[in-house]
Every structure is written in C-alpha cells, then in structure tokens.
Amino acid sequence: MNTASLSEYVKSMRKEYGLTQVDLSEKSGVGLRFVRELEQGKETLRLDKVNQVLNLFGVKVGVIPMDK
C-alpha cells in the first residue's frame, strides 16, 4: 500500500476488482453513503465498517508504529 491514503487504496482496489460503489457497498454490507464517504477521505468513519469493506480485499486497518 506504500503511502497511498486509505481512500485512494479503497478506490483503487474497487476499480481493480471491477466493482462500482454500489457493488462494493452490497458485497461488504455497508451503505452506499459510507462507501462514498470512505472514498472521499472523510476523517470520521467507524473502524469496524472500514474493516468490513477492506475485508473484501484481504486486508484490515491495524496499528502501525510511527517513526520517531
């Protein structure tokens, strides 16, 4: 994933899998509005729902140590 933001990653993976936003919302079980907000980079999103979407791509959000 390198330095791609979460929103860029989800949008890129959705397109790679040939999914529309509607497809992604249906397959992940979250609302279309949530998918749109996620791809637009909304800063306040429920982590469980983010992981619900990311699960389709075999990844999840986790803790990563920061460089000091």
C-alpha atoms as a PDB file:
ATOM      1  CA  MET A   1       0.000   0.000   0.000  1.00  0.00           C
ATOM      2  CA  ASN A   2       3.010   2.278   0.425  1.00  0.00           C
ATOM      3  CA  THR A   3       1.992   5.889   1.017  1.00  0.00           C
ATOM      4  CA  ALA A   4      -1.478   5.675  -0.521  1.00  0.00           C
ATOM      5  CA  SER A   5      -4.202   7.015   1.706  1.00  0.00           C
ATOM      6  CA  LEU A   6      -6.990   4.729   2.800  1.00  0.00           C
ATOM      7  CA  SER A   7      -9.439   6.451   0.470  1.00  0.00           C
ATOM      8  CA  GLU A   8      -7.079   6.086  -2.509  1.00  0.00           C
ATOM      9  CA  TYR A   9      -6.465   2.446  -1.648  1.00  0.00           C
ATOM     10  CA  VAL A  10     -10.157   1.541  -1.436  1.00  0.00           C
ATOM     11  CA  LYS A  11     -10.970   3.335  -4.682  1.00  0.00           C
ATOM     12  CA  SER A  12      -8.026   1.717  -6.461  1.00  0.00           C
ATOM     13  CA  MET A  13      -8.874  -1.780  -5.217  1.00  0.00           C
ATOM     14  CA  ARG A  14     -12.550  -1.331  -6.051  1.00  0.00           C
ATOM     15  CA  LYS A  15     -11.624  -0.467  -9.626  1.00  0.00           C
ATOM     16  CA  GLU A  16      -9.075  -3.296  -9.804  1.00  0.00           C
ATOM     17  CA  TYR A  17     -11.824  -5.731  -8.799  1.00  0.00           C
ATOM     18  CA  GLY A  18     -14.169  -4.189 -11.379  1.00  0.00           C
ATOM     19  CA  LEU A  19     -16.693  -3.033  -8.791  1.00  0.00           C
ATOM     20  CA  THR A  20     -18.905   0.024  -8.744  1.00  0.00           C
ATOM     21  CA  GLN A  21     -19.501   1.850  -5.475  1.00  0.00           C
ATOM     22  CA  VAL A  22     -22.919   0.179  -5.359  1.00  0.00           C
ATOM     23  CA  ASP A  23     -21.321  -3.261  -5.853  1.00  0.00           C
ATOM     24  CA  LEU A  24     -18.815  -2.583  -3.082  1.00  0.00           C
ATOM     25  CA  SER A  25     -21.495  -1.458  -0.657  1.00  0.00           C
ATOM     26  CA  GLU A  26     -23.629  -4.528  -1.384  1.00  0.00           C
ATOM     27  CA  LYS A  27     -20.768  -7.028  -1.194  1.00  0.00           C
ATOM     28  CA  SER A  28     -19.339  -5.572   2.016  1.00  0.00           C
ATOM     29  CA  GLY A  29     -22.678  -4.984   3.715  1.00  0.00           C
ATOM     30  CA  VAL A  30     -22.247  -1.261   4.307  1.00  0.00           C
ATOM     31  CA  GLY A  31     -24.312   1.586   2.920  1.00  0.00           C
ATOM     32  CA  LEU A  32     -23.540   3.356  -0.339  1.00  0.00           C
ATOM     33  CA  ARG A  33     -23.165   6.625   1.567  1.00  0.00           C
ATOM     34  CA  PHE A  34     -20.455   5.026   3.722  1.00  0.00           C
ATOM     35  CA  VAL A  35     -18.530   3.848   0.633  1.00  0.00           C
ATOM     36  CA  ARG A  36     -18.726   7.327  -0.895  1.00  0.00           C
ATOM     37  CA  GLU A  37     -17.540   8.980   2.322  1.00  0.00           C
ATOM     38  CA  LEU A  38     -14.715   6.453   2.649  1.00  0.00           C
ATOM     39  CA  GLU A  39     -13.504   7.109  -0.901  1.00  0.00           C
ATOM     40  CA  GLN A  40     -13.777  10.871  -0.373  1.00  0.00           C
ATOM     41  CA  GLY A  41     -11.498  10.670   2.654  1.00  0.00           C
ATOM     42  CA  LYS A  42     -13.966  11.542   5.402  1.00  0.00           C
ATOM     43  CA  GLU A  43     -11.947  11.711   8.601  1.00  0.00           C
ATOM     44  CA  THR A  44     -14.546  10.306  10.990  1.00  0.00           C
ATOM     45  CA  LEU A  45     -15.616   6.815   9.988  1.00  0.00           C
ATOM     46  CA  ARG A  46     -16.449   3.744  12.060  1.00  0.00           C
ATOM     47  CA  LEU A  47     -13.403   1.489  12.110  1.00  0.00           C
ATOM     48  CA  ASP A  48     -15.481  -1.690  12.156  1.00  0.00           C
ATOM     49  CA  LYS A  49     -17.200  -0.635   8.942  1.00  0.00           C
ATOM     50  CA  VAL A  50     -13.882   0.330   7.332  1.00  0.00           C
ATOM     51  CA  ASN A  51     -12.575  -3.152   8.110  1.00  0.00           C
ATOM     52  CA  GLN A  52     -15.808  -4.656   6.776  1.00  0.00           C
ATOM     53  CA  VAL A  53     -15.032  -3.050   3.394  1.00  0.00           C
ATOM     54  CA  LEU A  54     -11.304  -3.850   3.499  1.00  0.00           C
ATOM     55  CA  ASN A  55     -12.068  -7.485   4.287  1.00  0.00           C
ATOM     56  CA  LEU A  56     -13.118  -7.946   0.639  1.00  0.00           C
ATOM     57  CA  PHE A  57      -9.533  -7.135  -0.378  1.00  0.00           C
ATOM     58  CA  GLY A  58      -7.905  -9.340   2.267  1.00  0.00           C
ATOM     59  CA  VAL A  59      -6.616  -6.504   4.452  1.00  0.00           C
ATOM     60  CA  LYS A  60      -7.643  -4.596   7.571  1.00  0.00           C
ATOM     61  CA  VAL A  61      -6.736  -1.427   9.403  1.00  0.00           C
ATOM     62  CA  GLY A  62      -4.312  -2.004  12.237  1.00  0.00           C
ATOM     63  CA  VAL A  63      -1.799  -0.325  14.492  1.00  0.00           C
ATOM     64  CA  ILE A  64       1.487   0.614  12.825  1.00  0.00           C
ATOM     65  CA  PRO A  65       4.391   2.025  14.856  1.00  0.00           C
ATOM     66  CA  MET A  66       5.377   5.564  13.885  1.00  0.00           C
ATOM     67  CA  ASP A  67       8.997   6.529  13.198  1.00  0.00           C
ATOM     68  CA  LYS A  68      10.339   8.774  15.932  1.00  0.00           C
END
